[in-house]
Amino acid sequence: MTSAIPRLDIRNLTRRFAGRTVVDNVSLSVMPGQVTCLLGPSGCGKSTTLRCIAGVDMQDEGEIWLDGKLICDTVFRIPPERRSIGLMFQDFALFPHLSVAENVAFGLTGDRAEKRARVEAMLERVHMTHLIDRYPHELSGGEQQRVALARAIAPRPKVMLMDEPFSGLDNRLRDGIRDETLEILKEEGAAVLLVTHEPEEAMRMADEIALMRRGRIVQKGAPYNVYNTPADKEAAAFFSDINVVKGRVQGALTDTPFGQFLAPGVPDGTEVEIVIRPQHLKIDFDRNGSGPLPTAQDGTPARGVVQRARFMGSESLVEFRMDHDGSVIKATVPNVFLPKPGMALWLTIRRDRCFVFPAASSRTGASSHVT
């Protein structure tokens, strides 16, 4: 039976520098074998959170627990080397004067034979046994990353902290090495906390995403839920391009050129922003000023004029300037669709793929309303 006690439990963690709050009341739990991504823009406090957990920085408030035991608060502090926490960073941090075997053995305890057996076992798992006597400068970036992984997991850490460890690899290598790394860490039963600013990486790797902004976690959940039920407009925009249609609520409805949208629980007179991703706009190819009635799901068609169109590989991105207010709206279309600038087309919005949020000028809370 799986233990209900989190492997890593962060409670109300706060860190300040020169009076500025960098990490603001962060709470987070990670179970054994779970991968949680701290996702957010540069400077939002992700790496500082990792430094406090690792013990190389000291929080101003809050507690850090490991397997139900306190390892750090503002008074009590277990030193970093005794926390059973592994670290992986972007630059791999291999010792240039040590061989591959010596790098992996660094920090291991036991007699020489025990350490050698563990080193060989770890290098075999990362397919690096044949390079055991090489030095870091003789390895490619992907090979260095594998050695860094072997070194990090050799002491059998209970928690693995990873600060953008794959960003230094080219795209050709990144996916394969990333998947291999996660497979090994899950087999080891480590709780993994991964820092990244790339939504695609978080979606690919994480069991849970903790979206961080200005020192705070603004949303937590499975990747599917965080993407499809964003907490606010900023959260939606972090994962993809968005279009924003403005409106004002009257009787729980918002009138727009694309029809009416539900805004349950929003007071009358509130200005709202309707957020829609480009892939959820539809071009009405059958309409020429008149045509079939739109479905209830698609709402009312609105006309726009093509500004430019670009082929992106598997889809085309088309930008329209809308007749009703002159705003620019982006739509993605599968395959090749490259209409000429100046061409007028009608667009509809998928109602079931819209998010309605109070506008910043009238926002009273963080709640969102998905229609």
Protein backbone atom coordinates (compact mmCIF):
# COMPACT_ATOMS: atom_id res chain seq x y z
CA MET A 1 0.00 0.00 0.00
CA THR A 2 1.33 3.44 -0.94
CA SER A 3 2.11 5.69 2.00
CA ALA A 4 -0.18 8.70 2.41
CA ILE A 5 2.72 10.72 3.85
CA PRO A 6 4.33 13.04 1.27
CA ARG A 7 7.97 12.39 0.56
CA LEU A 8 8.51 16.17 0.39
CA ASP A 9 6.21 18.60 2.19
CA ILE A 10 6.79 22.36 1.99
CA ARG A 11 4.66 24.44 4.32
CA ASN A 12 4.19 28.22 4.03
CA LEU A 13 7.71 28.83 2.72
CA THR A 14 8.71 32.51 2.51
CA ARG A 15 12.04 34.04 1.52
CA ARG A 16 12.94 37.72 1.42
CA PHE A 17 15.96 39.59 0.10
CA ALA A 18 16.58 43.21 1.10
CA GLY A 19 12.95 43.59 2.13
CA ARG A 20 11.62 42.13 -1.13
CA THR A 21 9.57 38.93 -0.93
CA VAL A 22 10.92 36.48 -3.50
CA VAL A 23 9.07 33.37 -2.30
CA ASP A 24 5.69 34.15 -0.80
CA ASN A 25 3.92 31.58 1.41
CA VAL A 26 4.55 28.59 -0.86
CA SER A 27 3.09 25.22 0.17
CA LEU A 28 3.65 22.09 -1.89
CA SER A 29 3.66 18.31 -1.40
CA VAL A 30 5.33 15.67 -3.59
CA MET A 31 4.75 11.93 -3.15
CA PRO A 32 7.35 9.18 -3.80
CA GLY A 33 7.67 8.56 -7.53
CA GLN A 34 5.77 11.74 -8.37
CA VAL A 35 7.07 14.46 -10.69
CA THR A 36 5.95 17.98 -9.85
CA CYS A 37 6.95 20.93 -12.02
CA LEU A 38 7.40 24.41 -10.62
CA LEU A 39 6.50 26.36 -13.73
CA GLY A 40 6.78 30.09 -14.18
CA PRO A 41 8.64 32.98 -15.79
CA SER A 42 12.21 33.86 -14.92
CA GLY A 43 12.50 35.67 -11.59
CA CYS A 44 9.26 34.33 -10.09
CA GLY A 45 11.01 32.50 -7.20
CA LYS A 46 11.31 28.95 -8.55
CA SER A 47 15.06 28.50 -8.08
CA THR A 48 15.02 30.21 -4.69
CA THR A 49 12.40 27.70 -3.56
CA LEU A 50 14.69 24.85 -4.64
CA ARG A 51 17.67 26.42 -2.86
CA CYS A 52 15.72 26.56 0.42
CA ILE A 53 14.64 22.92 0.06
CA ALA A 54 18.21 21.85 -0.68
CA GLY A 55 19.46 23.73 2.35
CA VAL A 56 21.83 26.08 0.55
CA ASP A 57 19.56 29.01 1.41
CA MET A 58 17.54 29.65 4.57
CA GLN A 59 13.88 30.58 4.48
CA ASP A 60 12.50 33.45 6.58
CA GLU A 61 9.26 31.62 7.33
CA GLY A 62 7.85 28.14 6.87
CA GLU A 63 8.85 24.52 7.28
CA ILE A 64 10.27 21.73 5.12
CA TRP A 65 9.41 18.11 5.92
CA LEU A 66 10.84 14.87 4.51
CA ASP A 67 8.88 11.62 4.99
CA GLY A 68 6.94 13.20 7.84
CA LYS A 69 10.03 14.50 9.66
CA LEU A 70 10.97 18.15 10.00
CA ILE A 71 14.29 18.93 8.31
CA CYS A 72 14.18 22.72 8.43
CA ASP A 73 12.28 25.63 9.92
CA THR A 74 13.49 29.08 10.95
CA VAL A 75 15.36 27.67 13.97
CA PHE A 76 16.08 23.98 13.35
CA ARG A 77 18.10 23.07 10.28
CA ILE A 78 19.55 19.78 9.04
CA PRO A 79 22.62 20.54 6.88
CA PRO A 80 22.34 19.98 3.10
CA GLU A 81 24.58 16.90 3.02
CA ARG A 82 22.34 15.05 5.48
CA ARG A 83 18.98 15.76 3.80
CA SER A 84 19.01 12.89 1.27
CA ILE A 85 18.22 15.37 -1.48
CA GLY A 86 19.81 15.15 -4.92
CA LEU A 87 20.43 18.12 -7.21
CA MET A 88 20.64 18.47 -10.99
CA PHE A 89 21.32 21.76 -12.72
CA GLN A 90 21.52 23.17 -16.22
CA ASP A 91 25.34 23.18 -16.31
CA PHE A 92 25.65 19.57 -15.00
CA ALA A 93 28.40 20.75 -12.53
CA LEU A 94 30.73 17.82 -13.25
CA PHE A 95 34.23 17.98 -11.79
CA PRO A 96 36.57 18.45 -14.78
CA HIS A 97 39.58 16.82 -13.07
CA LEU A 98 37.68 13.63 -12.20
CA SER A 99 36.83 10.76 -14.53
CA VAL A 100 33.27 9.64 -15.19
CA ALA A 101 33.61 6.92 -12.55
CA GLU A 102 35.10 9.34 -10.01
CA ASN A 103 32.35 11.90 -10.65
CA VAL A 104 29.62 9.32 -10.04
CA ALA A 105 31.42 8.00 -6.92
CA PHE A 106 31.68 11.47 -5.41
CA GLY A 107 29.63 11.58 -2.22
CA LEU A 108 29.13 7.82 -1.96
CA THR A 109 29.90 6.06 1.31
CA GLY A 110 31.12 2.52 1.92
CA ASP A 111 34.27 0.64 1.00
CA ARG A 112 35.93 0.82 -2.39
CA ALA A 113 34.27 -2.32 -3.75
CA GLU A 114 30.78 -1.17 -2.72
CA LYS A 115 31.26 2.23 -4.31
CA ARG A 116 32.62 0.72 -7.51
CA ALA A 117 29.66 -1.65 -7.77
CA ARG A 118 27.20 1.22 -7.31
CA VAL A 119 29.03 3.36 -9.88
CA GLU A 120 28.97 0.59 -12.48
CA ALA A 121 25.29 -0.11 -11.81
CA MET A 122 24.36 3.56 -12.25
CA LEU A 123 26.42 3.98 -15.41
CA GLU A 124 24.83 0.87 -16.87
CA ARG A 125 21.38 2.34 -16.25
CA VAL A 126 22.29 5.50 -18.16
CA HIS A 127 24.14 3.59 -20.92
CA MET A 128 27.53 5.10 -20.08
CA THR A 129 29.58 2.09 -18.94
CA HIS A 130 31.75 2.22 -22.06
CA LEU A 131 32.90 5.75 -21.12
CA ILE A 132 33.64 5.03 -17.47
CA ASP A 133 37.27 6.23 -17.66
CA ARG A 134 36.68 9.31 -19.81
CA TYR A 135 36.76 12.89 -18.51
CA PRO A 136 33.95 15.45 -18.83
CA HIS A 137 35.64 17.45 -21.60
CA GLU A 138 35.72 14.28 -23.72
CA LEU A 139 31.93 13.87 -23.55
CA SER A 140 29.08 15.39 -25.53
CA GLY A 141 26.39 17.45 -23.82
CA GLY A 142 24.01 14.49 -23.75
CA GLU A 143 26.68 12.22 -22.29
CA GLN A 144 27.53 14.79 -19.60
CA GLN A 145 23.85 14.98 -18.69
CA ARG A 146 23.69 11.22 -18.27
CA VAL A 147 26.76 11.26 -16.01
CA ALA A 148 25.22 14.06 -13.95
CA LEU A 149 22.06 11.97 -13.56
CA ALA A 150 24.04 8.89 -12.52
CA ARG A 151 25.94 10.94 -9.94
CA ALA A 152 22.75 12.50 -8.58
CA ILE A 153 20.91 9.19 -8.08
CA ALA A 154 23.90 7.10 -6.94
CA PRO A 155 23.45 8.04 -3.23
CA ARG A 156 19.76 7.00 -3.49
CA PRO A 157 18.24 10.40 -2.65
CA LYS A 158 14.66 10.51 -1.45
CA VAL A 159 14.06 13.80 -3.29
CA MET A 160 15.51 14.98 -6.59
CA LEU A 161 15.56 18.71 -7.27
CA MET A 162 16.08 19.62 -10.93
CA ASP A 163 16.66 23.21 -12.04
CA GLU A 164 16.14 23.35 -15.84
CA PRO A 165 18.55 20.43 -16.33
CA PHE A 166 17.68 19.87 -20.00
CA SER A 167 17.79 23.44 -21.30
CA GLY A 168 21.43 23.11 -22.34
CA LEU A 169 20.66 20.22 -24.71
CA ASP A 170 19.64 20.65 -28.32
CA ASN A 171 16.13 19.65 -29.33
CA ARG A 172 17.36 16.54 -31.12
CA LEU A 173 18.58 15.02 -27.84
CA ARG A 174 16.32 16.62 -25.27
CA ASP A 175 13.17 14.51 -25.54
CA GLY A 176 14.93 11.15 -25.38
CA ILE A 177 17.21 12.03 -22.47
CA ARG A 178 14.35 13.69 -20.60
CA ASP A 179 12.17 10.60 -20.89
CA GLU A 180 15.02 8.27 -19.85
CA THR A 181 15.77 10.46 -16.83
CA LEU A 182 12.17 10.43 -15.61
CA GLU A 183 11.88 6.68 -16.07
CA ILE A 184 14.95 6.08 -13.90
CA LEU A 185 13.84 8.52 -11.20
CA LYS A 186 10.39 6.96 -11.00
CA GLU A 187 11.95 3.49 -10.71
CA GLU A 188 14.10 4.79 -7.86
CA GLY A 189 10.96 6.07 -6.10
CA ALA A 190 12.35 9.58 -5.71
CA ALA A 191 10.04 12.54 -5.34
CA VAL A 192 11.00 14.87 -8.18
CA LEU A 193 10.60 18.64 -8.09
CA LEU A 194 11.52 20.12 -11.46
CA VAL A 195 11.90 23.82 -12.20
CA THR A 196 11.20 25.03 -15.73
CA HIS A 197 9.94 28.12 -17.55
CA GLU A 198 8.82 26.07 -20.56
CA PRO A 199 5.13 25.03 -20.48
CA GLU A 200 5.67 22.31 -23.07
CA GLU A 201 8.34 20.68 -20.91
CA ALA A 202 6.11 20.84 -17.83
CA MET A 203 3.16 19.34 -19.72
CA ARG A 204 5.34 16.52 -21.03
CA MET A 205 7.05 15.62 -17.76
CA ALA A 206 4.84 16.45 -14.83
CA ASP A 207 2.27 14.50 -12.88
CA GLU A 208 1.38 17.83 -11.28
CA ILE A 209 2.13 21.42 -12.28
CA ALA A 210 2.47 24.24 -9.76
CA LEU A 211 2.20 27.49 -11.69
CA MET A 212 4.24 30.20 -9.98
CA ARG A 213 4.04 33.96 -10.42
CA ARG A 214 5.66 36.75 -8.42
CA GLY A 215 6.71 34.40 -5.65
CA ARG A 216 3.34 32.71 -5.20
CA ILE A 217 1.79 29.50 -6.49
CA VAL A 218 -1.31 30.68 -8.34
CA GLN A 219 -2.58 27.26 -9.48
CA LYS A 220 -1.81 23.58 -8.90
CA GLY A 221 -3.11 20.49 -10.60
CA ALA A 222 -2.64 17.85 -13.27
CA PRO A 223 -1.37 19.26 -16.60
CA TYR A 224 -4.73 18.68 -18.30
CA ASN A 225 -6.61 20.60 -15.60
CA VAL A 226 -4.17 23.50 -15.38
CA TYR A 227 -4.26 23.94 -19.16
CA ASN A 228 -8.03 23.57 -19.59
CA THR A 229 -9.21 25.41 -16.46
CA PRO A 230 -6.72 28.28 -16.02
CA ALA A 231 -7.04 30.33 -12.86
CA ASP A 232 -6.89 33.66 -14.71
CA LYS A 233 -5.97 35.29 -17.99
CA GLU A 234 -2.26 35.29 -17.18
CA ALA A 235 -2.35 31.56 -16.49
CA ALA A 236 -4.05 30.89 -19.83
CA ALA A 237 -1.55 33.11 -21.66
CA PHE A 238 1.44 31.34 -20.11
CA PHE A 239 0.58 28.09 -21.87
CA SER A 240 -0.25 29.45 -25.33
CA ASP A 241 -1.17 32.47 -27.42
CA ILE A 242 -4.59 33.83 -26.52
CA ASN A 243 -7.17 36.15 -28.01
CA VAL A 244 -9.13 38.48 -25.74
CA VAL A 245 -12.63 39.80 -26.46
CA LYS A 246 -13.92 42.44 -24.05
CA GLY A 247 -17.46 42.82 -22.82
CA ARG A 248 -19.72 43.89 -19.95
CA VAL A 249 -21.99 41.60 -17.93
CA GLN A 250 -25.73 42.13 -17.81
CA GLY A 251 -27.98 39.45 -16.34
CA ALA A 252 -25.15 36.88 -16.19
CA LEU A 253 -24.61 37.33 -19.94
CA THR A 254 -21.98 39.22 -21.91
CA ASP A 255 -22.82 40.64 -25.32
CA THR A 256 -20.03 40.46 -27.92
CA PRO A 257 -19.81 40.52 -31.74
CA PHE A 258 -19.48 36.72 -31.45
CA GLY A 259 -22.77 36.40 -29.59
CA GLN A 260 -23.64 36.15 -25.91
CA PHE A 261 -21.45 34.37 -23.37
CA LEU A 262 -22.38 33.13 -19.94
CA ALA A 263 -20.71 34.79 -16.95
CA PRO A 264 -22.37 33.09 -13.94
CA GLY A 265 -21.79 34.75 -10.59
CA VAL A 266 -20.35 37.94 -12.08
CA PRO A 267 -22.18 41.10 -10.93
CA ASP A 268 -24.02 43.20 -13.53
CA GLY A 269 -21.90 45.98 -14.98
CA THR A 270 -18.63 44.12 -14.50
CA GLU A 271 -16.18 44.40 -17.37
CA VAL A 272 -14.95 40.97 -18.42
CA GLU A 273 -12.38 39.50 -20.78
CA ILE A 274 -13.31 36.44 -22.82
CA VAL A 275 -10.18 34.42 -23.53
CA ILE A 276 -9.96 32.04 -26.48
CA ARG A 277 -6.94 30.17 -27.83
CA PRO A 278 -6.19 30.46 -31.59
CA GLN A 279 -6.87 26.77 -32.23
CA HIS A 280 -10.42 27.16 -30.97
CA LEU A 281 -11.46 29.82 -33.47
CA LYS A 282 -13.25 28.51 -36.53
CA ILE A 283 -13.27 30.04 -39.99
CA ASP A 284 -16.74 29.83 -41.53
CA PHE A 285 -15.89 28.92 -45.12
CA ASP A 286 -19.57 28.50 -46.06
CA ARG A 287 -20.59 32.04 -45.24
CA ASN A 288 -20.64 34.81 -47.85
CA GLY A 289 -22.65 37.47 -46.09
CA SER A 290 -25.45 34.93 -45.78
CA GLY A 291 -25.40 31.23 -45.24
CA PRO A 292 -26.32 28.51 -42.76
CA LEU A 293 -27.22 29.57 -39.27
CA PRO A 294 -24.39 29.09 -36.76
CA THR A 295 -24.69 26.34 -34.20
CA ALA A 296 -25.36 27.23 -30.57
CA GLN A 297 -21.88 26.03 -29.71
CA ASP A 298 -20.18 28.25 -32.31
CA GLY A 299 -22.10 31.44 -31.53
CA THR A 300 -22.45 34.33 -33.95
CA PRO A 301 -19.99 34.81 -36.84
CA ALA A 302 -17.95 38.05 -36.88
CA ARG A 303 -16.05 39.34 -39.90
CA GLY A 304 -12.33 40.01 -40.05
CA VAL A 305 -9.81 40.95 -42.73
CA VAL A 306 -6.65 38.89 -43.18
CA GLN A 307 -3.50 40.77 -42.18
CA ARG A 308 -1.02 37.97 -42.76
CA ALA A 309 -0.78 34.19 -42.85
CA ARG A 310 2.18 31.93 -42.07
CA PHE A 311 2.70 28.20 -42.45
CA MET A 312 4.05 26.75 -39.16
CA GLY A 313 4.72 23.15 -40.17
CA SER A 314 1.64 21.20 -39.09
CA GLU A 315 -0.71 24.19 -39.13
CA SER A 316 -1.15 27.71 -40.47
CA LEU A 317 -1.40 30.85 -38.33
CA VAL A 318 -3.71 33.54 -39.72
CA GLU A 319 -4.06 37.03 -38.23
CA PHE A 320 -7.29 39.00 -38.74
CA ARG A 321 -8.21 42.61 -38.07
CA MET A 322 -11.78 42.50 -36.86
CA ASP A 323 -14.41 44.80 -38.35
CA HIS A 324 -16.21 45.48 -35.06
CA ASP A 325 -13.34 47.11 -33.13
CA GLY A 326 -10.14 46.93 -35.18
CA SER A 327 -8.53 44.41 -32.82
CA VAL A 328 -6.22 41.69 -34.15
CA ILE A 329 -7.25 38.07 -33.59
CA LYS A 330 -5.16 34.99 -34.38
CA ALA A 331 -6.53 31.67 -35.61
CA THR A 332 -4.69 28.44 -36.33
CA VAL A 333 -5.86 26.17 -39.13
CA PRO A 334 -4.66 22.58 -39.67
CA ASN A 335 -2.37 21.98 -42.65
CA VAL A 336 -1.77 24.68 -45.27
CA PHE A 337 -4.13 27.65 -45.40
CA LEU A 338 -2.57 30.89 -46.62
CA PRO A 339 -5.23 33.44 -47.60
CA LYS A 340 -3.96 36.68 -49.11
CA PRO A 341 -3.89 39.89 -47.02
CA GLY A 342 -7.09 41.89 -47.49
CA MET A 343 -9.32 38.85 -47.83
CA ALA A 344 -12.45 39.06 -45.64
CA LEU A 345 -13.54 35.95 -43.74
CA TRP A 346 -16.06 35.15 -41.02
CA LEU A 347 -14.95 33.70 -37.68
CA THR A 348 -16.81 31.92 -34.91
CA ILE A 349 -15.70 31.11 -31.37
CA ARG A 350 -16.04 27.74 -29.68
CA ARG A 351 -18.17 28.60 -26.66
CA ASP A 352 -17.11 25.45 -24.81
CA ARG A 353 -13.45 26.46 -25.15
CA CYS A 354 -13.74 30.01 -23.80
CA PHE A 355 -12.74 31.37 -20.41
CA VAL A 356 -14.46 34.42 -18.94
CA PHE A 357 -12.52 36.47 -16.38
CA PRO A 358 -13.25 39.81 -14.71
CA ALA A 359 -11.10 42.48 -16.34
CA ALA A 360 -8.19 43.80 -14.30
CA SER A 361 -9.95 47.12 -13.74
CA SER A 362 -12.94 45.43 -12.07
CA ARG A 363 -11.39 42.25 -10.63
CA THR A 364 -12.34 41.54 -7.05
CA GLY A 365 -11.02 38.02 -6.74
CA ALA A 366 -9.01 35.32 -8.45
CA SER A 367 -11.98 33.20 -9.51
CA SER A 368 -12.59 32.45 -13.16
CA HIS A 369 -15.64 31.36 -15.07
CA VAL A 370 -15.34 28.82 -17.86
CA THR A 371 -18.14 28.65 -20.39
